[in-house]
PDB file of all heavy atoms in Angstrom:
ATOM      1  N   TYR A   1      12.543  -3.102  -5.557  1.00  0.00           N
ATOM      2  CA  TYR A   1      11.259  -2.382  -5.627  1.00  0.00           C
ATOM      3  C   TYR A   1      10.644  -2.441  -4.246  1.00  0.00           C
ATOM      4  O   TYR A   1      10.421  -3.537  -3.619  1.00  0.00           O
ATOM      5  CB  TYR A   1      10.260  -2.958  -6.592  1.00  0.00           C
ATOM      6  CG  TYR A   1      10.769  -2.826  -8.037  1.00  0.00           C
ATOM      7  CD1 TYR A   1      11.495  -3.894  -8.673  1.00  0.00           C
ATOM      8  CD2 TYR A   1      10.434  -1.726  -8.818  1.00  0.00           C
ATOM      9  CE1 TYR A   1      11.847  -3.809  -9.990  1.00  0.00           C
ATOM     10  CE2 TYR A   1      10.782  -1.590 -10.123  1.00  0.00           C
ATOM     11  CZ  TYR A   1      11.511  -2.684 -10.695  1.00  0.00           C
ATOM     12  OH  TYR A   1      11.887  -2.484 -12.037  1.00  0.00           O
ATOM     13  N   ALA A   2      10.211  -1.255  -3.769  1.00  0.00           N
ATOM     14  CA  ALA A   2       9.235  -1.176  -2.699  1.00  0.00           C
ATOM     15  C   ALA A   2       7.893  -1.698  -3.293  1.00  0.00           C
ATOM     16  O   ALA A   2       7.636  -1.430  -4.471  1.00  0.00           O
ATOM     17  CB  ALA A   2       9.141   0.293  -2.201  1.00  0.00           C
ATOM     18  N   MET A   3       7.080  -2.289  -2.431  1.00  0.00           N
ATOM     19  CA  MET A   3       5.810  -2.791  -2.870  1.00  0.00           C
ATOM     20  C   MET A   3       4.701  -2.209  -1.998  1.00  0.00           C
ATOM     21  O   MET A   3       4.910  -1.899  -0.881  1.00  0.00           O
ATOM     22  CB  MET A   3       5.801  -4.305  -2.710  1.00  0.00           C
ATOM     23  CG  MET A   3       6.784  -5.069  -3.650  1.00  0.00           C
ATOM     24  SD  MET A   3       6.393  -4.901  -5.400  1.00  0.00           S
ATOM     25  CE  MET A   3       4.874  -5.922  -5.474  1.00  0.00           C
ATOM     26  N   GLY A   4       3.554  -2.098  -2.562  1.00  0.00           N
ATOM     27  CA  GLY A   4       2.392  -1.571  -1.820  1.00  0.00           C
ATOM     28  C   GLY A   4       1.099  -2.316  -2.187  1.00  0.00           C
ATOM     29  O   GLY A   4       1.025  -2.984  -3.162  1.00  0.00           O
ATOM     30  N   TRP A   5       0.212  -2.213  -1.168  1.00  0.00           N
ATOM     31  CA  TRP A   5      -1.226  -2.597  -1.392  1.00  0.00           C
ATOM     32  C   TRP A   5      -2.110  -1.475  -1.388  1.00  0.00           C
ATOM     33  O   TRP A   5      -1.988  -0.564  -0.507  1.00  0.00           O
ATOM     34  CB  TRP A   5      -1.645  -3.605  -0.346  1.00  0.00           C
ATOM     35  CG  TRP A   5      -0.996  -5.018  -0.485  1.00  0.00           C
ATOM     36  CD1 TRP A   5       0.070  -5.418   0.117  1.00  0.00           C
ATOM     37  CD2 TRP A   5      -1.522  -6.057  -1.336  1.00  0.00           C
ATOM     38  NE1 TRP A   5       0.321  -6.755  -0.255  1.00  0.00           N
ATOM     39  CE2 TRP A   5      -0.662  -7.154  -1.197  1.00  0.00           C
ATOM     40  CE3 TRP A   5      -2.644  -6.200  -2.186  1.00  0.00           C
ATOM     41  CZ2 TRP A   5      -0.855  -8.433  -1.835  1.00  0.00           C
ATOM     42  CZ3 TRP A   5      -2.819  -7.402  -2.802  1.00  0.00           C
ATOM     43  CH2 TRP A   5      -1.899  -8.478  -2.693  1.00  0.00           C
ATOM     44  N   PHE A   6      -2.997  -1.390  -2.340  1.00  0.00           N
ATOM     45  CA  PHE A   6      -3.993  -0.321  -2.371  1.00  0.00           C
ATOM     46  C   PHE A   6      -5.427  -0.928  -2.561  1.00  0.00           C
ATOM     47  O   PHE A   6      -5.461  -2.151  -2.834  1.00  0.00           O
ATOM     48  CB  PHE A   6      -3.795   0.556  -3.584  1.00  0.00           C
ATOM     49  CG  PHE A   6      -2.502   1.330  -3.545  1.00  0.00           C
ATOM     50  CD1 PHE A   6      -1.310   0.726  -3.814  1.00  0.00           C
ATOM     51  CD2 PHE A   6      -2.493   2.708  -3.072  1.00  0.00           C
ATOM     52  CE1 PHE A   6      -0.076   1.364  -3.709  1.00  0.00           C
ATOM     53  CE2 PHE A   6      -1.304   3.413  -3.052  1.00  0.00           C
ATOM     54  CZ  PHE A   6      -0.105   2.771  -3.432  1.00  0.00           C
ATOM     55  N   ARG A   7      -6.479  -0.234  -2.320  1.00  0.00           N
ATOM     56  CA  ARG A   7      -7.777  -0.767  -2.413  1.00  0.00           C
ATOM     57  C   ARG A   7      -8.728   0.288  -3.071  1.00  0.00           C
ATOM     58  O   ARG A   7      -8.550   1.477  -2.917  1.00  0.00           O
ATOM     59  CB  ARG A   7      -8.374  -1.310  -1.141  1.00  0.00           C
ATOM     60  CG  ARG A   7      -8.638  -0.204  -0.071  1.00  0.00           C
ATOM     61  CD  ARG A   7      -9.059  -0.936   1.212  1.00  0.00           C
ATOM     62  NE  ARG A   7      -9.299   0.013   2.284  1.00  0.00           N
ATOM     63  CZ  ARG A   7      -9.507  -0.256   3.527  1.00  0.00           C
ATOM     64  NH1 ARG A   7      -9.440  -1.548   3.939  1.00  0.00           N
ATOM     65  NH2 ARG A   7      -9.797   0.644   4.439  1.00  0.00           N
ATOM     66  N   GLN A   8      -9.792  -0.200  -3.694  1.00  0.00           N
ATOM     67  CA  GLN A   8     -10.768   0.753  -4.329  1.00  0.00           C
ATOM     68  C   GLN A   8     -12.166   0.091  -4.158  1.00  0.00           C
ATOM     69  O   GLN A   8     -12.417  -0.941  -4.656  1.00  0.00           O
ATOM     70  CB  GLN A   8     -10.424   0.970  -5.739  1.00  0.00           C
ATOM     71  CG  GLN A   8     -11.252   2.017  -6.393  1.00  0.00           C
ATOM     72  CD  GLN A   8     -10.763   2.424  -7.837  1.00  0.00           C
ATOM     73  OE1 GLN A   8      -9.899   1.721  -8.426  1.00  0.00           O
ATOM     74  NE2 GLN A   8     -11.134   3.564  -8.349  1.00  0.00           N
ATOM     75  N   ALA A   9     -13.063   0.819  -3.529  1.00  0.00           N
ATOM     76  CA  ALA A   9     -14.467   0.439  -3.467  1.00  0.00           C
ATOM     77  C   ALA A   9     -15.244   1.081  -4.602  1.00  0.00           C
ATOM     78  O   ALA A   9     -14.818   2.071  -5.193  1.00  0.00           O
ATOM     79  CB  ALA A   9     -15.082   1.004  -2.112  1.00  0.00           C
ATOM     80  N   PRO A  10     -16.385   0.539  -4.986  1.00  0.00           N
ATOM     81  CA  PRO A  10     -17.209   0.999  -6.076  1.00  0.00           C
ATOM     82  C   PRO A  10     -17.495   2.522  -5.900  1.00  0.00           C
ATOM     83  O   PRO A  10     -18.028   2.927  -4.828  1.00  0.00           O
ATOM     84  CB  PRO A  10     -18.474   0.132  -6.044  1.00  0.00           C
ATOM     85  CG  PRO A  10     -18.023  -1.074  -5.476  1.00  0.00           C
ATOM     86  CD  PRO A  10     -16.993  -0.724  -4.412  1.00  0.00           C
ATOM     87  N   GLY A  11     -17.268   3.342  -6.953  1.00  0.00           N
ATOM     88  CA  GLY A  11     -17.554   4.652  -6.837  1.00  0.00           C
ATOM     89  C   GLY A  11     -16.584   5.504  -6.084  1.00  0.00           C
ATOM     90  O   GLY A  11     -16.775   6.754  -5.989  1.00  0.00           O
ATOM     91  N   LYS A  12     -15.538   4.912  -5.614  1.00  0.00           N
ATOM     92  CA  LYS A  12     -14.530   5.605  -4.724  1.00  0.00           C
ATOM     93  C   LYS A  12     -13.172   5.626  -5.436  1.00  0.00           C
ATOM     94  O   LYS A  12     -12.866   4.833  -6.334  1.00  0.00           O
ATOM     95  CB  LYS A  12     -14.393   4.963  -3.400  1.00  0.00           C
ATOM     96  CG  LYS A  12     -15.678   4.830  -2.605  1.00  0.00           C
ATOM     97  CD  LYS A  12     -16.160   6.242  -2.209  1.00  0.00           C
ATOM     98  CE  LYS A  12     -17.440   6.191  -1.332  1.00  0.00           C
ATOM     99  NZ  LYS A  12     -17.973   7.458  -0.973  1.00  0.00           N
ATOM    100  N   GLU A  13     -12.327   6.502  -4.936  1.00  0.00           N
ATOM    101  CA  GLU A  13     -10.964   6.587  -5.479  1.00  0.00           C
ATOM    102  C   GLU A  13     -10.058   5.522  -4.825  1.00  0.00           C
ATOM    103  O   GLU A  13     -10.326   5.147  -3.702  1.00  0.00           O
ATOM    104  CB  GLU A  13     -10.321   7.973  -5.186  1.00  0.00           C
ATOM    105  CG  GLU A  13     -11.013   9.126  -6.044  1.00  0.00           C
ATOM    106  CD  GLU A  13     -10.323  10.382  -5.871  1.00  0.00           C
ATOM    107  OE1 GLU A  13      -9.357  10.551  -5.017  1.00  0.00           O
ATOM    108  OE2 GLU A  13     -10.667  11.444  -6.544  1.00  0.00           O
ATOM    109  N   ARG A  14      -9.016   5.117  -5.523  1.00  0.00           N
ATOM    110  CA  ARG A  14      -8.046   4.228  -5.006  1.00  0.00           C
ATOM    111  C   ARG A  14      -7.333   4.729  -3.754  1.00  0.00           C
ATOM    112  O   ARG A  14      -6.954   5.969  -3.833  1.00  0.00           O
ATOM    113  CB  ARG A  14      -7.133   3.793  -6.078  1.00  0.00           C
ATOM    114  CG  ARG A  14      -6.067   2.816  -5.675  1.00  0.00           C
ATOM    115  CD  ARG A  14      -5.307   2.380  -6.922  1.00  0.00           C
ATOM    116  NE  ARG A  14      -4.680   3.541  -7.612  1.00  0.00           N
ATOM    117  CZ  ARG A  14      -4.107   3.555  -8.721  1.00  0.00           C
ATOM    118  NH1 ARG A  14      -3.937   2.392  -9.471  1.00  0.00           N
ATOM    119  NH2 ARG A  14      -3.612   4.678  -9.252  1.00  0.00           N
ATOM    120  N   GLU A  15      -7.205   4.050  -2.749  1.00  0.00           N
ATOM    121  CA  GLU A  15      -6.615   4.510  -1.516  1.00  0.00           C
ATOM    122  C   GLU A  15      -5.462   3.605  -1.068  1.00  0.00           C
ATOM    123  O   GLU A  15      -5.495   2.382  -1.273  1.00  0.00           O
ATOM    124  CB  GLU A  15      -7.555   4.759  -0.350  1.00  0.00           C
ATOM    125  CG  GLU A  15      -8.209   3.361   0.092  1.00  0.00           C
ATOM    126  CD  GLU A  15      -9.065   3.622   1.334  1.00  0.00           C
ATOM    127  OE1 GLU A  15      -9.150   4.781   1.856  1.00  0.00           O
ATOM    128  OE2 GLU A  15      -9.754   2.621   1.781  1.00  0.00           O
ATOM    129  N   PHE A  16      -4.474   4.178  -0.364  1.00  0.00           N
ATOM    130  CA  PHE A  16      -3.391   3.451   0.101  1.00  0.00           C
ATOM    131  C   PHE A  16      -3.714   2.565   1.319  1.00  0.00           C
ATOM    132  O   PHE A  16      -4.578   2.959   2.121  1.00  0.00           O
ATOM    133  CB  PHE A  16      -2.251   4.400   0.539  1.00  0.00           C
ATOM    134  CG  PHE A  16      -1.142   3.812   1.339  1.00  0.00           C
ATOM    135  CD1 PHE A  16      -0.181   3.076   0.696  1.00  0.00           C
ATOM    136  CD2 PHE A  16      -1.153   3.968   2.677  1.00  0.00           C
ATOM    137  CE1 PHE A  16       0.857   2.464   1.451  1.00  0.00           C
ATOM    138  CE2 PHE A  16      -0.079   3.366   3.475  1.00  0.00           C
ATOM    139  CZ  PHE A  16       0.882   2.651   2.770  1.00  0.00           C
ATOM    140  N   VAL A  17      -3.151   1.322   1.432  1.00  0.00           N
ATOM    141  CA  VAL A  17      -3.435   0.469   2.467  1.00  0.00           C
ATOM    142  C   VAL A  17      -2.080   0.108   3.202  1.00  0.00           C
ATOM    143  O   VAL A  17      -1.970   0.416   4.511  1.00  0.00           O
ATOM    144  CB  VAL A  17      -3.995  -0.899   2.012  1.00  0.00           C
ATOM    145  CG1 VAL A  17      -4.089  -1.884   3.158  1.00  0.00           C
ATOM    146  CG2 VAL A  17      -5.329  -0.634   1.347  1.00  0.00           C
ATOM    147  N   ALA A  18      -1.002  -0.331   2.613  1.00  0.00           N
ATOM    148  CA  ALA A  18       0.149  -0.668   3.200  1.00  0.00           C
ATOM    149  C   ALA A  18       1.353  -0.623   2.201  1.00  0.00           C
ATOM    150  O   ALA A  18       1.112  -0.905   0.997  1.00  0.00           O
ATOM    151  CB  ALA A  18       0.047  -2.051   3.877  1.00  0.00           C
ATOM    152  N   ALA A  19       2.528  -0.521   2.680  1.00  0.00           N
ATOM    153  CA  ALA A  19       3.752  -0.476   1.862  1.00  0.00           C
ATOM    154  C   ALA A  19       4.861  -1.148   2.548  1.00  0.00           C
ATOM    155  O   ALA A  19       5.003  -1.190   3.813  1.00  0.00           O
ATOM    156  CB  ALA A  19       4.138   0.856   1.381  1.00  0.00           C
ATOM    157  N   ILE A  20       5.868  -1.684   1.824  1.00  0.00           N
ATOM    158  CA  ILE A  20       6.992  -2.362   2.375  1.00  0.00           C
ATOM    159  C   ILE A  20       8.246  -2.070   1.531  1.00  0.00           C
ATOM    160  O   ILE A  20       8.102  -2.053   0.239  1.00  0.00           O
ATOM    161  CB  ILE A  20       6.723  -3.845   2.462  1.00  0.00           C
ATOM    162  CG1 ILE A  20       7.931  -4.574   3.276  1.00  0.00           C
ATOM    163  CG2 ILE A  20       6.621  -4.546   1.147  1.00  0.00           C
ATOM    164  CD1 ILE A  20       7.581  -6.019   3.694  1.00  0.00           C
ATOM    165  N   SER A  21       9.419  -1.853   2.122  1.00  0.00           N
ATOM    166  CA  SER A  21      10.631  -1.630   1.409  1.00  0.00           C
ATOM    167  C   SER A  21      11.119  -2.771   0.730  1.00  0.00           C
ATOM    168  O   SER A  21      10.683  -3.950   0.921  1.00  0.00           O
ATOM    169  CB  SER A  21      11.712  -1.004   2.357  1.00  0.00           C
ATOM    170  OG  SER A  21      12.008  -1.991   3.347  1.00  0.00           O
ATOM    171  N   GLY A  22      12.066  -2.647  -0.203  1.00  0.00           N
ATOM    172  CA  GLY A  22      12.626  -3.747  -0.995  1.00  0.00           C
ATOM    173  C   GLY A  22      13.150  -4.856  -0.153  1.00  0.00           C
ATOM    174  O   GLY A  22      12.993  -6.089  -0.478  1.00  0.00           O
ATOM    175  N   SER A  23      13.884  -4.511   0.876  1.00  0.00           N
ATOM    176  CA  SER A  23      14.424  -5.577   1.778  1.00  0.00           C
ATOM    177  C   SER A  23      13.414  -6.134   2.723  1.00  0.00           C
ATOM    178  O   SER A  23      13.748  -7.176   3.350  1.00  0.00           O
ATOM    179  CB  SER A  23      15.622  -5.022   2.506  1.00  0.00           C
ATOM    180  OG  SER A  23      15.122  -4.011   3.501  1.00  0.00           O
ATOM    181  N   GLY A  24      12.318  -5.495   2.868  1.00  0.00           N
ATOM    182  CA  GLY A  24      11.317  -5.977   3.904  1.00  0.00           C
ATOM    183  C   GLY A  24      11.531  -5.392   5.302  1.00  0.00           C
ATOM    184  O   GLY A  24      10.823  -5.618   6.208  1.00  0.00           O
ATOM    185  N   GLY A  25      12.599  -4.522   5.388  1.00  0.00           N
ATOM    186  CA  GLY A  25      12.914  -3.947   6.737  1.00  0.00           C
ATOM    187  C   GLY A  25      12.079  -2.842   7.209  1.00  0.00           C
ATOM    188  O   GLY A  25      12.132  -2.555   8.353  1.00  0.00           O
ATOM    189  N   SER A  26      11.314  -2.218   6.307  1.00  0.00           N
ATOM    190  CA  SER A  26      10.472  -1.060   6.710  1.00  0.00           C
ATOM    191  C   SER A  26       9.062  -1.297   6.152  1.00  0.00           C
ATOM    192  O   SER A  26       8.905  -1.697   5.040  1.00  0.00           O
ATOM    193  CB  SER A  26      11.053   0.244   6.211  1.00  0.00           C
ATOM    194  OG  SER A  26      12.285   0.436   6.730  1.00  0.00           O
ATOM    195  N   THR A  27       8.112  -0.907   6.985  1.00  0.00           N
ATOM    196  CA  THR A  27       6.651  -1.040   6.533  1.00  0.00           C
ATOM    197  C   THR A  27       5.987   0.181   6.967  1.00  0.00           C
ATOM    198  O   THR A  27       6.458   0.920   7.961  1.00  0.00           O
ATOM    199  CB  THR A  27       6.025  -2.252   7.096  1.00  0.00           C
ATOM    200  OG1 THR A  27       6.039  -2.236   8.631  1.00  0.00           O
ATOM    201  CG2 THR A  27       6.600  -3.497   6.722  1.00  0.00           C
ATOM    202  N   TYR A  28       4.790   0.491   6.367  1.00  0.00           N
ATOM    203  CA  TYR A  28       3.950   1.610   6.691  1.00  0.00           C
ATOM    204  C   TYR A  28       2.514   1.273   6.371  1.00  0.00           C
ATOM    205  O   TYR A  28       2.244   0.595   5.383  1.00  0.00           O
ATOM    206  CB  TYR A  28       4.416   2.910   5.968  1.00  0.00           C
ATOM    207  CG  TYR A  28       3.716   4.107   6.457  1.00  0.00           C
ATOM    208  CD1 TYR A  28       4.115   4.767   7.613  1.00  0.00           C
ATOM    209  CD2 TYR A  28       2.569   4.643   5.798  1.00  0.00           C
ATOM    210  CE1 TYR A  28       3.507   5.868   8.103  1.00  0.00           C
ATOM    211  CE2 TYR A  28       1.948   5.806   6.348  1.00  0.00           C
ATOM    212  CZ  TYR A  28       2.498   6.493   7.414  1.00  0.00           C
ATOM    213  OH  TYR A  28       1.847   7.502   7.964  1.00  0.00           O
ATOM    214  N   TYR A  29       1.597   1.664   7.269  1.00  0.00           N
ATOM    215  CA  TYR A  29       0.205   1.324   7.173  1.00  0.00           C
ATOM    216  C   TYR A  29      -0.678   2.537   7.210  1.00  0.00           C
ATOM    217  O   TYR A  29      -0.370   3.500   7.900  1.00  0.00           O
ATOM    218  CB  TYR A  29      -0.298   0.270   8.218  1.00  0.00           C
ATOM    219  CG  TYR A  29       0.528  -0.962   8.208  1.00  0.00           C
ATOM    220  CD1 TYR A  29       1.683  -1.059   8.975  1.00  0.00           C
ATOM    221  CD2 TYR A  29       0.045  -2.008   7.382  1.00  0.00           C
ATOM    222  CE1 TYR A  29       2.355  -2.264   8.987  1.00  0.00           C
ATOM    223  CE2 TYR A  29       0.776  -3.257   7.466  1.00  0.00           C
ATOM    224  CZ  TYR A  29       1.896  -3.372   8.214  1.00  0.00           C
ATOM    225  OH  TYR A  29       2.645  -4.591   8.185  1.00  0.00           O
ATOM    226  N   ALA A  30      -1.811   2.499   6.492  1.00  0.00           N
ATOM    227  CA  ALA A  30      -2.805   3.463   6.680  1.00  0.00           C
ATOM    228  C   ALA A  30      -3.445   3.318   8.021  1.00  0.00           C
ATOM    229  O   ALA A  30      -3.532   2.259   8.556  1.00  0.00           O
ATOM    230  CB  ALA A  30      -3.907   3.312   5.616  1.00  0.00           C
TER     231      ALA A  30
END
């Protein structure tokens, strides 16, 4: 599984923060 981190502030929609591939070899950030 690729894994991700998201965040949500009060009254706001959930937003993307960071993601990583299953092997850990690839990452992406907001």
